Amino acid sequence: MEISWEDFKKVDIRVGTIIEVSDFEKARNPSYKLQIDFGELGMLKSSAQITNLYAKEELLGKQILAVVNFPKKQIATIMSECLVLGLVGGKEEVVLINPDRKVANGLRLA
């Protein structure tokens, strides 16, 4: 399905740095709880099913891309405030999308 430029502009995709990672035992599928710094947008929480490829330690300080203008969504015991973006491969393995150079948190994908 083709979308217009106006449709694309509605999706607010920003870069943020993961500053806190913890196991999310209450999630239906293996997941982490993430706290992400989006600069002037502030800190947002999310859950991410990325446990197959990422250890908690390697996620700390990692910059990622996320959609920040979806409505908040209740996921088990947390309110997810953004959607972390990744590429889904075999066996539901998610590879995070991130900039190849360090940039300012909160920059918008254009």
PDB file of N, CA and C in Angstrom:
ATOM      1  N   MET A   1       0.836  -1.163   0.000  1.00  0.00           N
ATOM      2  CA  MET A   1       0.000   0.000   0.000  1.00  0.00           C
ATOM      3  C   MET A   1       0.891   1.240   0.000  1.00  0.00           C
ATOM      4  N   GLU A   2       0.604   2.142  -0.879  1.00  0.00           N
ATOM      5  CA  GLU A   2       1.347   3.389  -0.986  1.00  0.00           C
ATOM      6  C   GLU A   2       0.802   4.408   0.007  1.00  0.00           C
ATOM      7  N   ILE A   3       1.699   5.188   0.602  1.00  0.00           N
ATOM      8  CA  ILE A   3       1.263   6.264   1.482  1.00  0.00           C
ATOM      9  C   ILE A   3       1.758   7.589   0.918  1.00  0.00           C
ATOM     10  N   SER A   4       1.173   8.648   1.387  1.00  0.00           N
ATOM     11  CA  SER A   4       1.579   9.978   0.924  1.00  0.00           C
ATOM     12  C   SER A   4       2.681  10.524   1.835  1.00  0.00           C
ATOM     13  N   TRP A   5       3.331  11.584   1.361  1.00  0.00           N
ATOM     14  CA  TRP A   5       4.336  12.262   2.168  1.00  0.00           C
ATOM     15  C   TRP A   5       3.692  12.782   3.454  1.00  0.00           C
ATOM     16  N   GLU A   6       2.476  13.268   3.355  1.00  0.00           N
ATOM     17  CA  GLU A   6       1.755  13.770   4.530  1.00  0.00           C
ATOM     18  C   GLU A   6       1.542  12.656   5.555  1.00  0.00           C
ATOM     19  N   ASP A   7       1.254  11.432   5.096  1.00  0.00           N
ATOM     20  CA  ASP A   7       1.110  10.293   6.003  1.00  0.00           C
ATOM     21  C   ASP A   7       2.426  10.030   6.731  1.00  0.00           C
ATOM     22  N   PHE A   8       3.526  10.020   5.986  1.00  0.00           N
ATOM     23  CA  PHE A   8       4.840   9.735   6.564  1.00  0.00           C
ATOM     24  C   PHE A   8       5.211  10.783   7.612  1.00  0.00           C
ATOM     25  N   LYS A   9       4.899  12.038   7.345  1.00  0.00           N
ATOM     26  CA  LYS A   9       5.248  13.116   8.266  1.00  0.00           C
ATOM     27  C   LYS A   9       4.529  12.987   9.609  1.00  0.00           C
ATOM     28  N   LYS A  10       3.451  12.249   9.661  1.00  0.00           N
ATOM     29  CA  LYS A  10       2.711  12.063  10.908  1.00  0.00           C
ATOM     30  C   LYS A  10       3.451  11.151  11.891  1.00  0.00           C
ATOM     31  N   VAL A  11       4.304  10.286  11.373  1.00  0.00           N
ATOM     32  CA  VAL A  11       5.033   9.344  12.235  1.00  0.00           C
ATOM     33  C   VAL A  11       6.274  10.044  12.772  1.00  0.00           C
ATOM     34  N   ASP A  12       6.332  10.211  14.087  1.00  0.00           N
ATOM     35  CA  ASP A  12       7.438  10.908  14.736  1.00  0.00           C
ATOM     36  C   ASP A  12       8.453   9.886  15.240  1.00  0.00           C
ATOM     37  N   ILE A  13       9.519   9.698  14.469  1.00  0.00           N
ATOM     38  CA  ILE A  13      10.576   8.739  14.810  1.00  0.00           C
ATOM     39  C   ILE A  13      11.776   9.533  15.307  1.00  0.00           C
ATOM     40  N   ARG A  14      12.204   9.226  16.520  1.00  0.00           N
ATOM     41  CA  ARG A  14      13.299   9.958  17.166  1.00  0.00           C
ATOM     42  C   ARG A  14      14.384   9.001  17.643  1.00  0.00           C
ATOM     43  N   VAL A  15      15.576   9.571  17.849  1.00  0.00           N
ATOM     44  CA  VAL A  15      16.682   8.808  18.417  1.00  0.00           C
ATOM     45  C   VAL A  15      16.717   9.060  19.920  1.00  0.00           C
ATOM     46  N   GLY A  16      16.987   7.983  20.653  1.00  0.00           N
ATOM     47  CA  GLY A  16      17.119   8.081  22.101  1.00  0.00           C
ATOM     48  C   GLY A  16      18.191   7.130  22.594  1.00  0.00           C
ATOM     49  N   THR A  17      18.663   7.373  23.803  1.00  0.00           N
ATOM     50  CA  THR A  17      19.687   6.532  24.416  1.00  0.00           C
ATOM     51  C   THR A  17      19.059   5.729  25.550  1.00  0.00           C
ATOM     52  N   ILE A  18      19.288   4.429  25.526  1.00  0.00           N
ATOM     53  CA  ILE A  18      18.789   3.547  26.588  1.00  0.00           C
ATOM     54  C   ILE A  18      19.622   3.798  27.838  1.00  0.00           C
ATOM     55  N   ILE A  19      18.952   4.190  28.916  1.00  0.00           N
ATOM     56  CA  ILE A  19      19.677   4.486  30.153  1.00  0.00           C
ATOM     57  C   ILE A  19      19.393   3.498  31.278  1.00  0.00           C
ATOM     58  N   GLU A  20      18.353   2.689  31.086  1.00  0.00           N
ATOM     59  CA  GLU A  20      18.028   1.684  32.101  1.00  0.00           C
ATOM     60  C   GLU A  20      17.394   0.477  31.418  1.00  0.00           C
ATOM     61  N   VAL A  21      17.833  -0.721  31.823  1.00  0.00           N
ATOM     62  CA  VAL A  21      17.311  -1.977  31.272  1.00  0.00           C
ATOM     63  C   VAL A  21      17.064  -2.934  32.425  1.00  0.00           C
ATOM     64  N   SER A  22      15.887  -3.552  32.421  1.00  0.00           N
ATOM     65  CA  SER A  22      15.613  -4.573  33.438  1.00  0.00           C
ATOM     66  C   SER A  22      14.768  -5.683  32.831  1.00  0.00           C
ATOM     67  N   ASP A  23      14.838  -6.856  33.441  1.00  0.00           N
ATOM     68  CA  ASP A  23      14.016  -7.978  32.992  1.00  0.00           C
ATOM     69  C   ASP A  23      12.546  -7.627  33.206  1.00  0.00           C
ATOM     70  N   PHE A  24      11.698  -8.113  32.316  1.00  0.00           N
ATOM     71  CA  PHE A  24      10.262  -7.842  32.404  1.00  0.00           C
ATOM     72  C   PHE A  24       9.551  -9.183  32.566  1.00  0.00           C
ATOM     73  N   GLU A  25       9.586  -9.704  33.788  1.00  0.00           N
ATOM     74  CA  GLU A  25       9.040 -11.036  34.068  1.00  0.00           C
ATOM     75  C   GLU A  25       7.541 -11.138  33.796  1.00  0.00           C
ATOM     76  N   LYS A  26       6.806 -10.057  33.953  1.00  0.00           N
ATOM     77  CA  LYS A  26       5.350 -10.082  33.795  1.00  0.00           C
ATOM     78  C   LYS A  26       4.904 -10.060  32.329  1.00  0.00           C
ATOM     79  N   ALA A  27       5.820  -9.813  31.409  1.00  0.00           N
ATOM     80  CA  ALA A  27       5.469  -9.784  29.984  1.00  0.00           C
ATOM     81  C   ALA A  27       5.125 -11.191  29.502  1.00  0.00           C
ATOM     82  N   ARG A  28       4.244 -11.259  28.522  1.00  0.00           N
ATOM     83  CA  ARG A  28       3.815 -12.552  27.962  1.00  0.00           C
ATOM     84  C   ARG A  28       4.980 -13.270  27.278  1.00  0.00           C
ATOM     85  N   ASN A  29       5.793 -12.515  26.537  1.00  0.00           N
ATOM     86  CA  ASN A  29       6.976 -13.068  25.856  1.00  0.00           C
ATOM     87  C   ASN A  29       8.219 -12.468  26.495  1.00  0.00           C
ATOM     88  N   PRO A  30       9.366 -13.173  26.437  1.00  0.00           N
ATOM     89  CA  PRO A  30      10.589 -12.638  27.042  1.00  0.00           C
ATOM     90  C   PRO A  30      10.885 -11.222  26.535  1.00  0.00           C
ATOM     91  N   SER A  31      11.021 -10.298  27.483  1.00  0.00           N
ATOM     92  CA  SER A  31      11.193  -8.887  27.136  1.00  0.00           C
ATOM     93  C   SER A  31      12.041  -8.182  28.184  1.00  0.00           C
ATOM     94  N   TYR A  32      12.491  -6.988  27.808  1.00  0.00           N
ATOM     95  CA  TYR A  32      13.138  -6.071  28.737  1.00  0.00           C
ATOM     96  C   TYR A  32      12.242  -4.854  28.914  1.00  0.00           C
ATOM     97  N   LYS A  33      12.322  -4.234  30.100  1.00  0.00           N
ATOM     98  CA  LYS A  33      11.764  -2.911  30.326  1.00  0.00           C
ATOM     99  C   LYS A  33      12.886  -1.920  30.059  1.00  0.00           C
ATOM    100  N   LEU A  34      12.602  -0.911  29.256  1.00  0.00           N
ATOM    101  CA  LEU A  34      13.612   0.087  28.891  1.00  0.00           C
ATOM    102  C   LEU A  34      13.186   1.470  29.339  1.00  0.00           C
ATOM    103  N   GLN A  35      14.148   2.248  29.799  1.00  0.00           N
ATOM    104  CA  GLN A  35      13.971   3.673  30.054  1.00  0.00           C
ATOM    105  C   GLN A  35      14.886   4.358  29.042  1.00  0.00           C
ATOM    106  N   ILE A  36      14.311   5.253  28.220  1.00  0.00           N
ATOM    107  CA  ILE A  36      15.049   5.830  27.093  1.00  0.00           C
ATOM    108  C   ILE A  36      15.021   7.349  27.188  1.00  0.00           C
ATOM    109  N   ASP A  37      16.204   7.955  27.034  1.00  0.00           N
ATOM    110  CA  ASP A  37      16.351   9.410  27.077  1.00  0.00           C
ATOM    111  C   ASP A  37      16.211   9.971  25.663  1.00  0.00           C
ATOM    112  N   PHE A  38      15.150  10.772  25.442  1.00  0.00           N
ATOM    113  CA  PHE A  38      14.918  11.404  24.148  1.00  0.00           C
ATOM    114  C   PHE A  38      15.217  12.902  24.182  1.00  0.00           C
ATOM    115  N   GLY A  39      16.179  13.313  24.983  1.00  0.00           N
ATOM    116  CA  GLY A  39      16.585  14.711  25.024  1.00  0.00           C
ATOM    117  C   GLY A  39      15.455  15.603  25.487  1.00  0.00           C
ATOM    118  N   GLU A  40      15.130  16.631  24.677  1.00  0.00           N
ATOM    119  CA  GLU A  40      14.107  17.605  25.075  1.00  0.00           C
ATOM    120  C   GLU A  40      12.717  16.989  25.222  1.00  0.00           C
ATOM    121  N   LEU A  41      12.490  15.804  24.626  1.00  0.00           N
ATOM    122  CA  LEU A  41      11.201  15.109  24.793  1.00  0.00           C
ATOM    123  C   LEU A  41      11.106  14.417  26.149  1.00  0.00           C
ATOM    124  N   GLY A  42      12.231  14.269  26.818  1.00  0.00           N
ATOM    125  CA  GLY A  42      12.256  13.634  28.135  1.00  0.00           C
ATOM    126  C   GLY A  42      12.493  12.136  28.074  1.00  0.00           C
ATOM    127  N   MET A  43      12.210  11.488  29.197  1.00  0.00           N
ATOM    128  CA  MET A  43      12.420  10.052  29.345  1.00  0.00           C
ATOM    129  C   MET A  43      11.118   9.328  29.040  1.00  0.00           C
ATOM    130  N   LEU A  44      11.213   8.260  28.233  1.00  0.00           N
ATOM    131  CA  LEU A  44      10.042   7.446  27.915  1.00  0.00           C
ATOM    132  C   LEU A  44      10.337   5.989  28.229  1.00  0.00           C
ATOM    133  N   LYS A  45       9.292   5.255  28.640  1.00  0.00           N
ATOM    134  CA  LYS A  45       9.414   3.826  28.942  1.00  0.00           C
ATOM    135  C   LYS A  45       8.903   3.008  27.769  1.00  0.00           C
ATOM    136  N   SER A  46       9.464   1.825  27.629  1.00  0.00           N
ATOM    137  CA  SER A  46       8.991   0.891  26.621  1.00  0.00           C
ATOM    138  C   SER A  46       9.341  -0.518  27.056  1.00  0.00           C
ATOM    139  N   SER A  47       8.659  -1.485  26.461  1.00  0.00           N
ATOM    140  CA  SER A  47       9.086  -2.869  26.612  1.00  0.00           C
ATOM    141  C   SER A  47       9.515  -3.333  25.232  1.00  0.00           C
ATOM    142  N   ALA A  48      10.485  -4.220  25.203  1.00  0.00           N
ATOM    143  CA  ALA A  48      11.004  -4.676  23.916  1.00  0.00           C
ATOM    144  C   ALA A  48      11.357  -6.158  23.992  1.00  0.00           C
ATOM    145  N   GLN A  49      10.891  -6.893  22.986  1.00  0.00           N
ATOM    146  CA  GLN A  49      11.181  -8.328  22.900  1.00  0.00           C
ATOM    147  C   GLN A  49      12.495  -8.513  22.141  1.00  0.00           C
ATOM    148  N   ILE A  50      13.588  -8.179  22.820  1.00  0.00           N
ATOM    149  CA  ILE A  50      14.909  -8.212  22.177  1.00  0.00           C
ATOM    150  C   ILE A  50      15.896  -9.066  22.958  1.00  0.00           C
ATOM    151  N   THR A  51      15.376  -9.947  23.814  1.00  0.00           N
ATOM    152  CA  THR A  51      16.235 -10.748  24.682  1.00  0.00           C
ATOM    153  C   THR A  51      17.033 -11.811  23.941  1.00  0.00           C
ATOM    154  N   ASN A  52      16.578 -12.214  22.752  1.00  0.00           N
ATOM    155  CA  ASN A  52      17.298 -13.260  22.005  1.00  0.00           C
ATOM    156  C   ASN A  52      18.676 -12.808  21.538  1.00  0.00           C
ATOM    157  N   LEU A  53      18.808 -11.541  21.182  1.00  0.00           N
ATOM    158  CA  LEU A  53      20.067 -11.066  20.595  1.00  0.00           C
ATOM    159  C   LEU A  53      20.846 -10.091  21.463  1.00  0.00           C
ATOM    160  N   TYR A  54      20.220  -9.541  22.503  1.00  0.00           N
ATOM    161  CA  TYR A  54      20.873  -8.491  23.285  1.00  0.00           C
ATOM    162  C   TYR A  54      20.896  -8.823  24.772  1.00  0.00           C
ATOM    163  N   ALA A  55      22.072  -8.658  25.366  1.00  0.00           N
ATOM    164  CA  ALA A  55      22.210  -8.742  26.816  1.00  0.00           C
ATOM    165  C   ALA A  55      21.933  -7.351  27.391  1.00  0.00           C
ATOM    166  N   LYS A  56      21.446  -7.303  28.611  1.00  0.00           N
ATOM    167  CA  LYS A  56      21.119  -6.020  29.238  1.00  0.00           C
ATOM    168  C   LYS A  56      22.320  -5.069  29.227  1.00  0.00           C
ATOM    169  N   GLU A  57      23.490  -5.613  29.514  1.00  0.00           N
ATOM    170  CA  GLU A  57      24.687  -4.783  29.620  1.00  0.00           C
ATOM    171  C   GLU A  57      25.035  -4.083  28.308  1.00  0.00           C
ATOM    172  N   GLU A  58      24.823  -4.751  27.183  1.00  0.00           N
ATOM    173  CA  GLU A  58      25.180  -4.142  25.899  1.00  0.00           C
ATOM    174  C   GLU A  58      24.155  -3.108  25.436  1.00  0.00           C
ATOM    175  N   LEU A  59      22.978  -3.103  26.051  1.00  0.00           N
ATOM    176  CA  LEU A  59      21.948  -2.125  25.684  1.00  0.00           C
ATOM    177  C   LEU A  59      22.151  -0.786  26.384  1.00  0.00           C
ATOM    178  N   LEU A  60      22.754  -0.798  27.558  1.00  0.00           N
ATOM    179  CA  LEU A  60      22.974   0.453  28.292  1.00  0.00           C
ATOM    180  C   LEU A  60      23.846   1.398  27.471  1.00  0.00           C
ATOM    181  N   GLY A  61      23.350   2.610  27.254  1.00  0.00           N
ATOM    182  CA  GLY A  61      24.096   3.608  26.488  1.00  0.00           C
ATOM    183  C   GLY A  61      23.919   3.507  24.988  1.00  0.00           C
ATOM    184  N   LYS A  62      23.171   2.511  24.524  1.00  0.00           N
ATOM    185  CA  LYS A  62      22.963   2.315  23.088  1.00  0.00           C
ATOM    186  C   LYS A  62      21.893   3.279  22.584  1.00  0.00           C
ATOM    187  N   GLN A  63      22.170   3.929  21.466  1.00  0.00           N
ATOM    188  CA  GLN A  63      21.171   4.774  20.825  1.00  0.00           C
ATOM    189  C   GLN A  63      20.309   3.923  19.901  1.00  0.00           C
ATOM    190  N   ILE A  64      19.003   4.212  19.931  1.00  0.00           N
ATOM    191  CA  ILE A  64      18.036   3.462  19.123  1.00  0.00           C
ATOM    192  C   ILE A  64      17.049   4.441  18.496  1.00  0.00           C
ATOM    193  N   LEU A  65      16.257   3.946  17.555  1.00  0.00           N
ATOM    194  CA  LEU A  65      15.172   4.730  16.974  1.00  0.00           C
ATOM    195  C   LEU A  65      13.851   4.207  17.520  1.00  0.00           C
ATOM    196  N   ALA A  66      12.911   5.121  17.735  1.00  0.00           N
ATOM    197  CA  ALA A  66      11.599   4.739  18.253  1.00  0.00           C
ATOM    198  C   ALA A  66      10.536   5.706  17.747  1.00  0.00           C
ATOM    199  N   VAL A  67       9.322   5.186  17.603  1.00  0.00           N
ATOM    200  CA  VAL A  67       8.165   6.031  17.311  1.00  0.00           C
ATOM    201  C   VAL A  67       7.690   6.584  18.650  1.00  0.00           C
ATOM    202  N   VAL A  68       7.609   7.912  18.742  1.00  0.00           N
ATOM    203  CA  VAL A  68       7.274   8.532  20.031  1.00  0.00           C
ATOM    204  C   VAL A  68       5.876   9.147  20.070  1.00  0.00           C
ATOM    205  N   ASN A  69       5.109   9.031  18.978  1.00  0.00           N
ATOM    206  CA  ASN A  69       3.783   9.663  18.997  1.00  0.00           C
ATOM    207  C   ASN A  69       2.622   8.672  18.843  1.00  0.00           C
ATOM    208  N   PHE A  70       2.848   7.403  19.175  1.00  0.00           N
ATOM    209  CA  PHE A  70       1.735   6.466  19.297  1.00  0.00           C
ATOM    210  C   PHE A  70       1.049   6.717  20.643  1.00  0.00           C
ATOM    211  N   PRO A  71      -0.220   6.342  20.772  1.00  0.00           N
ATOM    212  CA  PRO A  71      -0.845   6.419  22.096  1.00  0.00           C
ATOM    213  C   PRO A  71      -0.128   5.462  23.049  1.00  0.00           C
ATOM    214  N   LYS A  72      -0.104   5.814  24.330  1.00  0.00           N
ATOM    215  CA  LYS A  72       0.483   4.926  25.331  1.00  0.00           C
ATOM    216  C   LYS A  72      -0.287   3.617  25.342  1.00  0.00           C
ATOM    217  N   LYS A  73       0.430   2.515  25.652  1.00  0.00           N
ATOM    218  CA  LYS A  73      -0.193   1.194  25.632  1.00  0.00           C
ATOM    219  C   LYS A  73       0.200   0.427  26.886  1.00  0.00           C
ATOM    220  N   GLN A  74      -0.794  -0.133  27.553  1.00  0.00           N
ATOM    221  CA  GLN A  74      -0.538  -0.951  28.743  1.00  0.00           C
ATOM    222  C   GLN A  74       0.000  -2.305  28.305  1.00  0.00           C
ATOM    223  N   ILE A  75       1.184  -2.654  28.793  1.00  0.00           N
ATOM    224  CA  ILE A  75       1.780  -3.962  28.528  1.00  0.00           C
ATOM    225  C   ILE A  75       2.105  -4.569  29.893  1.00  0.00           C
ATOM    226  N   ALA A  76       1.319  -5.547  30.270  1.00  0.00           N
ATOM    227  CA  ALA A  76       1.430  -6.162  31.607  1.00  0.00           C
ATOM    228  C   ALA A  76       1.391  -5.047  32.653  1.00  0.00           C
ATOM    229  N   THR A  77       2.495  -4.849  33.375  1.00  0.00           N
ATOM    230  CA  THR A  77       2.488  -3.903  34.489  1.00  0.00           C
ATOM    231  C   THR A  77       3.052  -2.519  34.160  1.00  0.00           C
ATOM    232  N   ILE A  78       3.430  -2.276  32.913  1.00  0.00           N
ATOM    233  CA  ILE A  78       3.951  -0.946  32.584  1.00  0.00           C
ATOM    234  C   ILE A  78       3.131  -0.305  31.470  1.00  0.00           C
ATOM    235  N   MET A  79       3.201   1.009  31.408  1.00  0.00           N
ATOM    236  CA  MET A  79       2.588   1.771  30.331  1.00  0.00           C
ATOM    237  C   MET A  79       3.697   2.097  29.339  1.00  0.00           C
ATOM    238  N   SER A  80       3.651   1.467  28.167  1.00  0.00           N
ATOM    239  CA  SER A  80       4.657   1.710  27.139  1.00  0.00           C
ATOM    240  C   SER A  80       4.367   3.052  26.479  1.00  0.00           C
ATOM    241  N   GLU A  81       5.393   3.903  26.406  1.00  0.00           N
ATOM    242  CA  GLU A  81       5.230   5.268  25.911  1.00  0.00           C
ATOM    243  C   GLU A  81       5.835   5.497  24.533  1.00  0.00           C
ATOM    244  N   CYS A  82       6.529   4.498  24.006  1.00  0.00           N
ATOM    245  CA  CYS A  82       7.111   4.604  22.665  1.00  0.00           C
ATOM    246  C   CYS A  82       7.308   3.202  22.101  1.00  0.00           C
ATOM    247  N   LEU A  83       7.484   3.125  20.784  1.00  0.00           N
ATOM    248  CA  LEU A  83       7.694   1.847  20.115  1.00  0.00           C
ATOM    249  C   LEU A  83       9.119   1.800  19.582  1.00  0.00           C
ATOM    250  N   VAL A  84       9.949   0.967  20.193  1.00  0.00           N
ATOM    251  CA  VAL A  84      11.331   0.794  19.755  1.00  0.00           C
ATOM    252  C   VAL A  84      11.312   0.062  18.416  1.00  0.00           C
ATOM    253  N   LEU A  85      12.094   0.545  17.462  1.00  0.00           N
ATOM    254  CA  LEU A  85      12.078  -0.017  16.110  1.00  0.00           C
ATOM    255  C   LEU A  85      13.199  -1.027  15.906  1.00  0.00           C
ATOM    256  N   GLY A  86      12.869  -2.114  15.213  1.00  0.00           N
ATOM    257  CA  GLY A  86      13.854  -3.133  14.897  1.00  0.00           C
ATOM    258  C   GLY A  86      13.430  -3.933  13.687  1.00  0.00           C
ATOM    259  N   LEU A  87      14.345  -4.707  13.189  1.00  0.00           N
ATOM    260  CA  LEU A  87      14.116  -5.580  12.040  1.00  0.00           C
ATOM    261  C   LEU A  87      13.916  -6.995  12.556  1.00  0.00           C
ATOM    262  N   VAL A  88      12.826  -7.638  12.148  1.00  0.00           N
ATOM    263  CA  VAL A  88      12.501  -8.971  12.653  1.00  0.00           C
ATOM    264  C   VAL A  88      13.026 -10.020  11.690  1.00  0.00           C
ATOM    265  N   GLY A  89      13.879 -10.906  12.222  1.00  0.00           N
ATOM    266  CA  GLY A  89      14.428 -11.991  11.421  1.00  0.00           C
ATOM    267  C   GLY A  89      13.842 -13.318  11.843  1.00  0.00           C
ATOM    268  N   GLY A  90      14.528 -14.375  11.490  1.00  0.00           N
ATOM    269  CA  GLY A  90      14.074 -15.711  11.841  1.00  0.00           C
ATOM    270  C   GLY A  90      14.001 -15.901  13.338  1.00  0.00           C
ATOM    271  N   LYS A  91      13.135 -16.802  13.778  1.00  0.00           N
ATOM    272  CA  LYS A  91      12.958 -17.130  15.195  1.00  0.00           C
ATOM    273  C   LYS A  91      12.625 -15.898  16.028  1.00  0.00           C
ATOM    274  N   GLU A  92      11.910 -14.935  15.412  1.00  0.00           N
ATOM    275  CA  GLU A  92      11.491 -13.724  16.125  1.00  0.00           C
ATOM    276  C   GLU A  92      12.662 -12.953  16.719  1.00  0.00           C
ATOM    277  N   GLU A  93      13.814 -12.994  16.069  1.00  0.00           N
ATOM    278  CA  GLU A  93      14.971 -12.236  16.536  1.00  0.00           C
ATOM    279  C   GLU A  93      14.877 -10.813  16.000  1.00  0.00           C
ATOM    280  N   VAL A  94      14.940  -9.839  16.900  1.00  0.00           N
ATOM    281  CA  VAL A  94      14.811  -8.440  16.526  1.00  0.00           C
ATOM    282  C   VAL A  94      16.166  -7.759  16.603  1.00  0.00           C
ATOM    283  N   VAL A  95      16.571  -7.126  15.486  1.00  0.00           N
ATOM    284  CA  VAL A  95      17.803  -6.344  15.425  1.00  0.00           C
ATOM    285  C   VAL A  95      17.402  -4.879  15.502  1.00  0.00           C
ATOM    286  N   LEU A  96      17.912  -4.188  16.508  1.00  0.00           N
ATOM    287  CA  LEU A  96      17.557  -2.789  16.712  1.00  0.00           C
ATOM    288  C   LEU A  96      18.101  -1.905  15.594  1.00  0.00           C
ATOM    289  N   ILE A  97      17.354  -0.838  15.301  1.00  0.00           N
ATOM    290  CA  ILE A  97      17.784   0.156  14.320  1.00  0.00           C
ATOM    291  C   ILE A  97      18.426   1.300  15.093  1.00  0.00           C
ATOM    292  N   ASN A  98      19.641   1.668  14.698  1.00  0.00           N
ATOM    293  CA  ASN A  98      20.337   2.733  15.416  1.00  0.00           C
ATOM    294  C   ASN A  98      21.235   3.515  14.456  1.00  0.00           C
ATOM    295  N   PRO A  99      21.546   4.772  14.817  1.00  0.00           N
ATOM    296  CA  PRO A  99      22.429   5.565  13.966  1.00  0.00           C
ATOM    297  C   PRO A  99      23.842   4.995  13.984  1.00  0.00           C
ATOM    298  N   ASP A 100      24.576   5.200  12.905  1.00  0.00           N
ATOM    299  CA  ASP A 100      25.944   4.670  12.849  1.00  0.00           C
ATOM    300  C   ASP A 100      26.956   5.602  13.511  1.00  0.00           C
ATOM    301  N   ARG A 101      26.504   6.789  13.932  1.00  0.00           N
ATOM    302  CA  ARG A 101      27.331   7.729  14.683  1.00  0.00           C
ATOM    303  C   ARG A 101      26.505   8.260  15.842  1.00  0.00           C
ATOM    304  N   LYS A 102      27.171   8.647  16.922  1.00  0.00           N
ATOM    305  CA  LYS A 102      26.470   9.238  18.066  1.00  0.00           C
ATOM    306  C   LYS A 102      25.891  10.581  17.646  1.00  0.00           C
ATOM    307  N   VAL A 103      24.625  10.776  17.962  1.00  0.00           N
ATOM    308  CA  VAL A 103      23.929  12.028  17.656  1.00  0.00           C
ATOM    309  C   VAL A 103      23.181  12.499  18.904  1.00  0.00           C
ATOM    310  N   ALA A 104      22.651  13.710  18.845  1.00  0.00           N
ATOM    311  CA  ALA A 104      21.913  14.261  19.977  1.00  0.00           C
ATOM    312  C   ALA A 104      20.600  13.510  20.168  1.00  0.00           C
ATOM    313  N   ASN A 105      20.295  13.153  21.408  1.00  0.00           N
ATOM    314  CA  ASN A 105      19.017  12.513  21.705  1.00  0.00           C
ATOM    315  C   ASN A 105      17.871  13.434  21.312  1.00  0.00           C
ATOM    316  N   GLY A 106      16.836  12.841  20.730  1.00  0.00           N
ATOM    317  CA  GLY A 106      15.658  13.591  20.339  1.00  0.00           C
ATOM    318  C   GLY A 106      15.638  14.011  18.875  1.00  0.00           C
ATOM    319  N   LEU A 107      16.765  13.814  18.158  1.00  0.00           N
ATOM    320  CA  LEU A 107      16.745  14.166  16.737  1.00  0.00           C
ATOM    321  C   LEU A 107      15.694  13.346  16.025  1.00  0.00           C
ATOM    322  N   ARG A 108      15.021  13.974  15.061  1.00  0.00           N
ATOM    323  CA  ARG A 108      13.927  13.339  14.345  1.00  0.00           C
ATOM    324  C   ARG A 108      14.418  12.738  13.036  1.00  0.00           C
ATOM    325  N   LEU A 109      13.913  11.552  12.718  1.00  0.00           N
ATOM    326  CA  LEU A 109      14.180  10.929  11.423  1.00  0.00           C
ATOM    327  C   LEU A 109      13.487  11.751  10.352  1.00  0.00           C
ATOM    328  N   ALA A 110      14.213  12.072   9.310  1.00  0.00           N
ATOM    329  CA  ALA A 110      13.637  12.876   8.221  1.00  0.00           C
ATOM    330  C   ALA A 110      13.878  12.213   6.887  1.00  0.00           C
TER     331      ALA A 110
END
